[in-house]
Amino acid sequence: MSLPPFELIVTEYGPTVLRVCRAVVGPVDAEDAWSETFLAALRAYPQLPAGANVAAWLVTIAHRKAIDVQRARLRRATPVERLPETVGPPPEEPDDHLWAALRALPPKQRAAVAYHHLAGLPYREVAALLGGTPEAARRAAADGIAALRVRYRPEGVTA
């Protein structure tokens, strides 16, 4: 059995990988992580065993690329016209209420929510990505969802 054309893989799994990247690195850097994910996947695709879980494979690559994007963002200089008198927090990036609520989660909870609820990975695979047990991954995702329910209220929706 041969692998389907890579274009079909991008079409089928691209939206899921983009949602995962947005949840993990935020809306500003998500497209970079998505592109890096599929570039790496394209290079490795010919060696992918037939019958492999393509979604889990792509989310694993996206997880690693998201870490790379986050590290690159920390090293990137921000050009300014004049140096500020005092050091302060970086300027806010444009985001919506949901991203603000996701960003407020601890990194493990945010990743567990993204990998399980957005990518649909079972907790066993989430645990393999994050390190730990499936039970710990389930707990992190549950705690993350509970915190999101408290923090995130779409505009016009009242509790």
N, C-alpha and C. Protein backbone atom coordinates (compact mmCIF):
# COMPACT_ATOMS: atom_id res chain seq x y z
N MET A 1 0.86 -1.18 0.00
CA MET A 1 0.00 0.00 0.00
C MET A 1 0.90 1.24 0.00
N SER A 2 0.64 2.13 -0.93
CA SER A 2 1.47 3.33 -1.01
C SER A 2 0.81 4.49 -0.28
N LEU A 3 1.61 5.47 0.03
CA LEU A 3 1.10 6.65 0.73
C LEU A 3 0.35 7.55 -0.24
N PRO A 4 -0.70 8.23 0.24
CA PRO A 4 -1.41 9.16 -0.64
C PRO A 4 -0.52 10.37 -0.94
N PRO A 5 -0.82 11.12 -1.99
CA PRO A 5 -0.02 12.30 -2.28
C PRO A 5 0.00 13.26 -1.08
N PHE A 6 1.14 13.89 -0.87
CA PHE A 6 1.30 14.77 0.29
C PHE A 6 0.30 15.92 0.26
N GLU A 7 -0.08 16.36 -0.91
CA GLU A 7 -1.07 17.44 -1.05
C GLU A 7 -2.38 17.07 -0.34
N LEU A 8 -2.79 15.82 -0.43
CA LEU A 8 -4.00 15.38 0.25
C LEU A 8 -3.83 15.41 1.77
N ILE A 9 -2.65 15.11 2.24
CA ILE A 9 -2.36 15.16 3.68
C ILE A 9 -2.49 16.60 4.18
N VAL A 10 -1.93 17.54 3.42
CA VAL A 10 -2.01 18.96 3.79
C VAL A 10 -3.47 19.41 3.80
N THR A 11 -4.22 19.03 2.78
CA THR A 11 -5.63 19.43 2.69
C THR A 11 -6.44 18.86 3.86
N GLU A 12 -6.20 17.60 4.18
CA GLU A 12 -6.99 16.95 5.23
C GLU A 12 -6.61 17.41 6.64
N TYR A 13 -5.30 17.51 6.91
CA TYR A 13 -4.86 17.77 8.28
C TYR A 13 -4.39 19.20 8.52
N GLY A 14 -4.27 19.99 7.47
CA GLY A 14 -3.78 21.37 7.61
C GLY A 14 -4.58 22.21 8.59
N PRO A 15 -5.92 22.23 8.50
CA PRO A 15 -6.70 23.04 9.44
C PRO A 15 -6.51 22.62 10.90
N THR A 16 -6.43 21.32 11.16
CA THR A 16 -6.23 20.85 12.53
C THR A 16 -4.87 21.28 13.06
N VAL A 17 -3.83 21.13 12.23
CA VAL A 17 -2.48 21.52 12.65
C VAL A 17 -2.43 23.02 12.90
N LEU A 18 -3.11 23.82 12.07
CA LEU A 18 -3.12 25.27 12.28
C LEU A 18 -3.81 25.62 13.60
N ARG A 19 -4.93 24.95 13.92
CA ARG A 19 -5.60 25.22 15.20
C ARG A 19 -4.69 24.88 16.38
N VAL A 20 -3.98 23.76 16.27
CA VAL A 20 -3.04 23.38 17.33
C VAL A 20 -1.94 24.42 17.46
N CYS A 21 -1.38 24.85 16.35
CA CYS A 21 -0.31 25.86 16.39
C CYS A 21 -0.81 27.16 17.00
N ARG A 22 -2.02 27.58 16.64
CA ARG A 22 -2.59 28.81 17.22
C ARG A 22 -2.75 28.69 18.73
N ALA A 23 -3.20 27.53 19.18
CA ALA A 23 -3.41 27.34 20.61
C ALA A 23 -2.09 27.30 21.37
N VAL A 24 -1.05 26.77 20.75
CA VAL A 24 0.22 26.60 21.45
C VAL A 24 1.08 27.86 21.39
N VAL A 25 1.21 28.47 20.21
CA VAL A 25 2.12 29.62 20.08
C VAL A 25 1.40 30.95 19.90
N GLY A 26 0.09 30.94 19.72
CA GLY A 26 -0.65 32.17 19.55
C GLY A 26 -0.89 32.49 18.09
N PRO A 27 -1.79 33.42 17.85
CA PRO A 27 -2.19 33.72 16.47
C PRO A 27 -1.10 34.37 15.62
N VAL A 28 -0.19 35.09 16.24
CA VAL A 28 0.84 35.79 15.48
C VAL A 28 1.87 34.83 14.88
N ASP A 29 2.31 33.85 15.64
CA ASP A 29 3.35 32.93 15.19
C ASP A 29 2.82 31.60 14.66
N ALA A 30 1.51 31.42 14.66
CA ALA A 30 0.93 30.13 14.27
C ALA A 30 1.24 29.76 12.82
N GLU A 31 1.17 30.70 11.93
CA GLU A 31 1.41 30.37 10.51
C GLU A 31 2.86 29.96 10.29
N ASP A 32 3.80 30.58 11.01
CA ASP A 32 5.20 30.16 10.89
C ASP A 32 5.37 28.73 11.37
N ALA A 33 4.76 28.40 12.51
CA ALA A 33 4.87 27.03 13.04
C ALA A 33 4.20 26.04 12.09
N TRP A 34 3.06 26.43 11.52
CA TRP A 34 2.35 25.57 10.58
C TRP A 34 3.22 25.29 9.36
N SER A 35 3.80 26.35 8.80
CA SER A 35 4.65 26.18 7.61
C SER A 35 5.85 25.29 7.90
N GLU A 36 6.50 25.55 9.04
CA GLU A 36 7.66 24.74 9.42
C GLU A 36 7.26 23.28 9.63
N THR A 37 6.07 23.06 10.18
CA THR A 37 5.57 21.70 10.39
C THR A 37 5.46 20.96 9.07
N PHE A 38 4.82 21.58 8.09
CA PHE A 38 4.60 20.89 6.83
C PHE A 38 5.86 20.80 5.98
N LEU A 39 6.80 21.73 6.13
CA LEU A 39 8.08 21.58 5.44
C LEU A 39 8.84 20.36 5.98
N ALA A 40 8.86 20.23 7.30
CA ALA A 40 9.54 19.09 7.92
C ALA A 40 8.81 17.79 7.56
N ALA A 41 7.48 17.85 7.55
CA ALA A 41 6.70 16.65 7.23
C ALA A 41 6.92 16.22 5.78
N LEU A 42 7.03 17.18 4.89
CA LEU A 42 7.26 16.86 3.48
C LEU A 42 8.58 16.10 3.30
N ARG A 43 9.60 16.54 4.03
CA ARG A 43 10.91 15.87 3.94
C ARG A 43 10.84 14.45 4.50
N ALA A 44 10.07 14.25 5.57
CA ALA A 44 10.03 12.94 6.23
C ALA A 44 8.93 12.03 5.68
N TYR A 45 8.01 12.57 4.91
CA TYR A 45 6.84 11.81 4.45
C TYR A 45 7.19 10.52 3.72
N PRO A 46 8.19 10.50 2.84
CA PRO A 46 8.46 9.24 2.13
C PRO A 46 8.84 8.07 3.06
N GLN A 47 9.37 8.36 4.25
CA GLN A 47 9.75 7.29 5.18
C GLN A 47 8.63 6.93 6.16
N LEU A 48 7.48 7.61 6.07
CA LEU A 48 6.36 7.32 6.98
C LEU A 48 5.82 5.92 6.67
N PRO A 49 5.73 5.06 7.69
CA PRO A 49 5.22 3.71 7.43
C PRO A 49 3.75 3.74 7.02
N ALA A 50 3.37 2.86 6.14
CA ALA A 50 1.97 2.74 5.74
C ALA A 50 1.15 2.38 6.98
N GLY A 51 0.00 2.97 7.10
CA GLY A 51 -0.86 2.71 8.25
C GLY A 51 -0.54 3.53 9.48
N ALA A 52 0.44 4.45 9.39
CA ALA A 52 0.79 5.29 10.54
C ALA A 52 -0.34 6.26 10.84
N ASN A 53 -0.43 6.68 12.09
CA ASN A 53 -1.41 7.70 12.49
C ASN A 53 -0.87 9.06 12.05
N VAL A 54 -1.34 9.52 10.90
CA VAL A 54 -0.82 10.74 10.29
C VAL A 54 -1.11 11.95 11.17
N ALA A 55 -2.29 12.01 11.78
CA ALA A 55 -2.63 13.16 12.63
C ALA A 55 -1.66 13.25 13.81
N ALA A 56 -1.40 12.14 14.48
CA ALA A 56 -0.48 12.14 15.61
C ALA A 56 0.94 12.49 15.16
N TRP A 57 1.34 11.98 14.01
CA TRP A 57 2.66 12.28 13.46
C TRP A 57 2.80 13.78 13.20
N LEU A 58 1.79 14.38 12.58
CA LEU A 58 1.85 15.82 12.28
C LEU A 58 1.81 16.67 13.55
N VAL A 59 0.99 16.27 14.53
CA VAL A 59 0.93 17.04 15.78
C VAL A 59 2.25 16.94 16.54
N THR A 60 2.92 15.79 16.46
CA THR A 60 4.24 15.66 17.08
C THR A 60 5.22 16.62 16.43
N ILE A 61 5.20 16.69 15.12
CA ILE A 61 6.08 17.64 14.42
C ILE A 61 5.70 19.07 14.78
N ALA A 62 4.40 19.37 14.81
CA ALA A 62 3.93 20.72 15.16
C ALA A 62 4.37 21.10 16.57
N HIS A 63 4.32 20.14 17.49
CA HIS A 63 4.75 20.38 18.87
C HIS A 63 6.21 20.84 18.89
N ARG A 64 7.05 20.12 18.17
CA ARG A 64 8.48 20.48 18.13
C ARG A 64 8.71 21.81 17.44
N LYS A 65 7.99 22.05 16.36
CA LYS A 65 8.15 23.32 15.63
C LYS A 65 7.62 24.49 16.47
N ALA A 66 6.57 24.27 17.24
CA ALA A 66 6.04 25.32 18.11
C ALA A 66 7.08 25.71 19.17
N ILE A 67 7.77 24.71 19.70
CA ILE A 67 8.84 25.00 20.67
C ILE A 67 9.93 25.82 19.99
N ASP A 68 10.29 25.44 18.75
CA ASP A 68 11.31 26.20 18.01
C ASP A 68 10.88 27.63 17.77
N VAL A 69 9.61 27.83 17.41
CA VAL A 69 9.10 29.18 17.15
C VAL A 69 9.12 30.01 18.44
N GLN A 70 8.72 29.39 19.56
CA GLN A 70 8.74 30.11 20.84
C GLN A 70 10.16 30.51 21.22
N ARG A 71 11.11 29.61 21.03
CA ARG A 71 12.51 29.93 21.34
C ARG A 71 13.02 31.04 20.43
N ALA A 72 12.68 30.99 19.16
CA ALA A 72 13.11 32.02 18.21
C ALA A 72 12.52 33.37 18.58
N ARG A 73 11.26 33.37 19.02
CA ARG A 73 10.62 34.63 19.41
C ARG A 73 11.35 35.26 20.60
N LEU A 74 11.81 34.44 21.52
CA LEU A 74 12.52 34.97 22.68
C LEU A 74 13.87 35.56 22.31
N ARG A 75 14.48 35.05 21.24
CA ARG A 75 15.79 35.55 20.82
C ARG A 75 15.68 36.74 19.87
N ARG A 76 14.52 36.94 19.28
CA ARG A 76 14.34 37.97 18.27
C ARG A 76 14.34 39.37 18.90
N ALA A 77 15.12 40.25 18.32
CA ALA A 77 15.15 41.63 18.79
C ALA A 77 13.93 42.38 18.26
N THR A 78 13.46 43.32 19.04
CA THR A 78 12.34 44.15 18.62
C THR A 78 12.88 45.54 18.30
N PRO A 79 12.86 45.94 17.02
CA PRO A 79 13.38 47.27 16.68
C PRO A 79 12.46 48.37 17.21
N VAL A 80 13.08 49.39 17.75
CA VAL A 80 12.34 50.55 18.24
C VAL A 80 13.06 51.81 17.78
N GLU A 81 12.30 52.89 17.68
CA GLU A 81 12.90 54.15 17.25
C GLU A 81 13.81 54.72 18.33
N ARG A 82 13.31 54.68 19.57
CA ARG A 82 14.11 55.16 20.71
C ARG A 82 14.03 54.14 21.82
N LEU A 83 15.11 54.01 22.56
CA LEU A 83 15.10 53.11 23.70
C LEU A 83 14.25 53.71 24.81
N PRO A 84 13.45 52.91 25.47
CA PRO A 84 12.62 53.44 26.56
C PRO A 84 13.49 53.82 27.76
N GLU A 85 12.97 54.72 28.55
CA GLU A 85 13.66 55.14 29.76
C GLU A 85 13.73 54.00 30.76
N THR A 86 12.64 53.25 30.89
CA THR A 86 12.59 52.11 31.81
C THR A 86 12.17 50.88 31.03
N VAL A 87 12.57 49.76 31.56
CA VAL A 87 12.22 48.50 30.93
C VAL A 87 10.82 48.11 31.37
N GLY A 88 10.00 47.70 30.43
CA GLY A 88 8.63 47.28 30.74
C GLY A 88 8.28 46.04 29.96
N PRO A 89 7.07 45.58 30.12
CA PRO A 89 6.64 44.39 29.39
C PRO A 89 6.57 44.69 27.89
N PRO A 90 6.69 43.66 27.06
CA PRO A 90 6.59 43.89 25.62
C PRO A 90 5.20 44.38 25.26
N PRO A 91 5.07 45.10 24.15
CA PRO A 91 3.75 45.57 23.76
C PRO A 91 2.81 44.39 23.49
N GLU A 92 1.54 44.61 23.74
CA GLU A 92 0.56 43.54 23.55
C GLU A 92 0.41 43.22 22.07
N GLU A 93 0.32 41.94 21.78
CA GLU A 93 0.06 41.54 20.41
C GLU A 93 -1.46 41.49 20.22
N PRO A 94 -1.92 41.70 18.99
CA PRO A 94 -3.36 41.64 18.79
C PRO A 94 -3.88 40.24 19.09
N ASP A 95 -4.93 40.15 19.88
CA ASP A 95 -5.50 38.84 20.17
C ASP A 95 -6.95 39.01 20.56
N ASP A 96 -7.65 37.90 20.60
CA ASP A 96 -9.03 37.94 21.02
C ASP A 96 -9.14 37.39 22.45
N HIS A 97 -10.34 37.36 22.95
CA HIS A 97 -10.54 36.92 24.34
C HIS A 97 -10.14 35.46 24.54
N LEU A 98 -10.40 34.64 23.55
CA LEU A 98 -10.05 33.23 23.69
C LEU A 98 -8.54 33.04 23.78
N TRP A 99 -7.77 33.73 22.91
CA TRP A 99 -6.32 33.60 22.97
C TRP A 99 -5.81 34.12 24.30
N ALA A 100 -6.38 35.20 24.82
CA ALA A 100 -5.96 35.71 26.12
C ALA A 100 -6.21 34.66 27.20
N ALA A 101 -7.34 33.98 27.13
CA ALA A 101 -7.65 32.93 28.12
C ALA A 101 -6.70 31.75 27.95
N LEU A 102 -6.41 31.35 26.71
CA LEU A 102 -5.46 30.26 26.47
C LEU A 102 -4.06 30.64 26.95
N ARG A 103 -3.65 31.86 26.66
CA ARG A 103 -2.32 32.32 27.04
C ARG A 103 -2.15 32.33 28.56
N ALA A 104 -3.23 32.53 29.27
CA ALA A 104 -3.16 32.57 30.74
C ALA A 104 -2.98 31.18 31.36
N LEU A 105 -3.24 30.14 30.57
CA LEU A 105 -3.06 28.78 31.10
C LEU A 105 -1.58 28.45 31.26
N PRO A 106 -1.24 27.61 32.21
CA PRO A 106 0.13 27.11 32.29
C PRO A 106 0.46 26.35 30.99
N PRO A 107 1.73 26.35 30.58
CA PRO A 107 2.10 25.73 29.29
C PRO A 107 1.63 24.28 29.12
N LYS A 108 1.74 23.46 30.15
CA LYS A 108 1.33 22.05 30.01
C LYS A 108 -0.17 21.93 29.81
N GLN A 109 -0.95 22.75 30.52
CA GLN A 109 -2.40 22.70 30.34
C GLN A 109 -2.77 23.18 28.94
N ARG A 110 -2.15 24.27 28.49
CA ARG A 110 -2.43 24.81 27.15
C ARG A 110 -2.11 23.76 26.08
N ALA A 111 -0.96 23.11 26.21
CA ALA A 111 -0.57 22.10 25.23
C ALA A 111 -1.51 20.89 25.31
N ALA A 112 -1.86 20.45 26.50
CA ALA A 112 -2.76 19.30 26.64
C ALA A 112 -4.12 19.60 26.02
N VAL A 113 -4.64 20.78 26.24
CA VAL A 113 -5.92 21.18 25.63
C VAL A 113 -5.79 21.18 24.11
N ALA A 114 -4.72 21.77 23.61
CA ALA A 114 -4.53 21.84 22.15
C ALA A 114 -4.39 20.46 21.54
N TYR A 115 -3.56 19.61 22.11
CA TYR A 115 -3.28 18.32 21.52
C TYR A 115 -4.47 17.36 21.63
N HIS A 116 -5.20 17.42 22.75
CA HIS A 116 -6.33 16.49 22.90
C HIS A 116 -7.60 17.05 22.26
N HIS A 117 -7.97 18.28 22.62
CA HIS A 117 -9.26 18.80 22.18
C HIS A 117 -9.24 19.39 20.78
N LEU A 118 -8.12 19.92 20.33
CA LEU A 118 -8.06 20.47 18.97
C LEU A 118 -7.54 19.45 17.96
N ALA A 119 -6.51 18.71 18.33
CA ALA A 119 -5.95 17.74 17.40
C ALA A 119 -6.60 16.36 17.52
N GLY A 120 -7.29 16.12 18.63
CA GLY A 120 -7.98 14.85 18.80
C GLY A 120 -7.09 13.68 19.18
N LEU A 121 -5.89 13.98 19.71
CA LEU A 121 -5.00 12.89 20.10
C LEU A 121 -5.49 12.25 21.39
N PRO A 122 -5.35 10.94 21.51
CA PRO A 122 -5.69 10.30 22.79
C PRO A 122 -4.68 10.70 23.86
N TYR A 123 -5.09 10.59 25.10
CA TYR A 123 -4.23 11.03 26.20
C TYR A 123 -2.89 10.31 26.23
N ARG A 124 -2.85 9.08 25.79
CA ARG A 124 -1.60 8.33 25.75
C ARG A 124 -0.59 9.05 24.84
N GLU A 125 -1.05 9.57 23.70
CA GLU A 125 -0.15 10.27 22.79
C GLU A 125 0.18 11.67 23.29
N VAL A 126 -0.79 12.31 23.95
CA VAL A 126 -0.52 13.62 24.56
C VAL A 126 0.56 13.46 25.62
N ALA A 127 0.46 12.41 26.42
CA ALA A 127 1.46 12.14 27.46
C ALA A 127 2.83 11.92 26.85
N ALA A 128 2.89 11.23 25.73
CA ALA A 128 4.19 10.99 25.08
C ALA A 128 4.81 12.31 24.60
N LEU A 129 3.97 13.23 24.13
CA LEU A 129 4.48 14.53 23.68
C LEU A 129 4.96 15.40 24.85
N LEU A 130 4.17 15.40 25.92
CA LEU A 130 4.46 16.30 27.04
C LEU A 130 5.37 15.68 28.08
N GLY A 131 5.48 14.38 28.08
CA GLY A 131 6.24 13.70 29.13
C GLY A 131 5.33 13.50 30.32
N GLY A 132 5.22 12.30 30.77
CA GLY A 132 4.33 12.01 31.89
C GLY A 132 3.41 10.86 31.55
N THR A 133 2.38 10.70 32.35
CA THR A 133 1.45 9.59 32.18
C THR A 133 0.19 10.06 31.47
N PRO A 134 -0.58 9.12 30.91
CA PRO A 134 -1.86 9.51 30.32
C PRO A 134 -2.80 10.14 31.35
N GLU A 135 -2.72 9.68 32.58
CA GLU A 135 -3.57 10.26 33.63
C GLU A 135 -3.20 11.72 33.88
N ALA A 136 -1.89 12.01 33.89
CA ALA A 136 -1.45 13.40 34.09
C ALA A 136 -1.87 14.27 32.91
N ALA A 137 -1.81 13.72 31.71
CA ALA A 137 -2.25 14.47 30.52
C ALA A 137 -3.75 14.75 30.60
N ARG A 138 -4.52 13.74 31.02
CA ARG A 138 -5.97 13.92 31.18
C ARG A 138 -6.28 14.99 32.21
N ARG A 139 -5.54 14.97 33.33
CA ARG A 139 -5.74 15.96 34.39
C ARG A 139 -5.40 17.37 33.91
N ALA A 140 -4.27 17.49 33.17
CA ALA A 140 -3.86 18.80 32.66
C ALA A 140 -4.90 19.35 31.69
N ALA A 141 -5.42 18.49 30.82
CA ALA A 141 -6.44 18.94 29.87
C ALA A 141 -7.73 19.33 30.59
N ALA A 142 -8.13 18.52 31.57
CA ALA A 142 -9.35 18.83 32.33
C ALA A 142 -9.20 20.13 33.11
N ASP A 143 -8.04 20.32 33.75
CA ASP A 143 -7.80 21.56 34.47
C ASP A 143 -7.78 22.76 33.53
N GLY A 144 -7.19 22.57 32.35
CA GLY A 144 -7.15 23.64 31.36
C GLY A 144 -8.54 24.03 30.88
N ILE A 145 -9.37 23.04 30.58
CA ILE A 145 -10.74 23.32 30.14
C ILE A 145 -11.53 23.99 31.25
N ALA A 146 -11.35 23.53 32.49
CA ALA A 146 -12.06 24.15 33.61
C ALA A 146 -11.65 25.61 33.76
N ALA A 147 -10.36 25.89 33.63
CA ALA A 147 -9.89 27.27 33.74
C ALA A 147 -10.41 28.12 32.58
N LEU A 148 -10.46 27.54 31.39
CA LEU A 148 -11.00 28.28 30.24
C LEU A 148 -12.47 28.62 30.44
N ARG A 149 -13.22 27.70 31.02
CA ARG A 149 -14.65 27.96 31.27
C ARG A 149 -14.83 29.13 32.23
N VAL A 150 -13.89 29.29 33.15
CA VAL A 150 -13.97 30.40 34.10
C VAL A 150 -13.52 31.70 33.45
N ARG A 151 -12.42 31.65 32.68
CA ARG A 151 -11.81 32.87 32.13
C ARG A 151 -12.45 33.36 30.84
N TYR A 152 -12.92 32.45 30.00
CA TYR A 152 -13.37 32.82 28.68
C TYR A 152 -14.88 32.98 28.63
N ARG A 153 -15.30 34.17 28.32
CA ARG A 153 -16.71 34.47 28.11
C ARG A 153 -16.80 35.23 26.80
N PRO A 154 -17.30 34.58 25.73
CA PRO A 154 -17.44 35.31 24.48
C PRO A 154 -18.33 36.54 24.66
N GLU A 155 -18.04 37.57 23.89
CA GLU A 155 -18.84 38.79 24.01
C GLU A 155 -20.30 38.47 23.71
N GLY A 156 -21.19 39.04 24.50
CA GLY A 156 -22.61 38.83 24.30
C GLY A 156 -23.15 37.60 25.00
N VAL A 157 -22.28 36.78 25.60
CA VAL A 157 -22.72 35.58 26.30
C VAL A 157 -22.59 35.84 27.79
N THR A 158 -23.67 35.61 28.52
CA THR A 158 -23.63 35.80 29.97
C THR A 158 -23.77 34.44 30.64
N ALA A 159 -23.21 34.33 31.82
CA ALA A 159 -23.23 33.06 32.54
C ALA A 159 -24.56 32.83 33.20
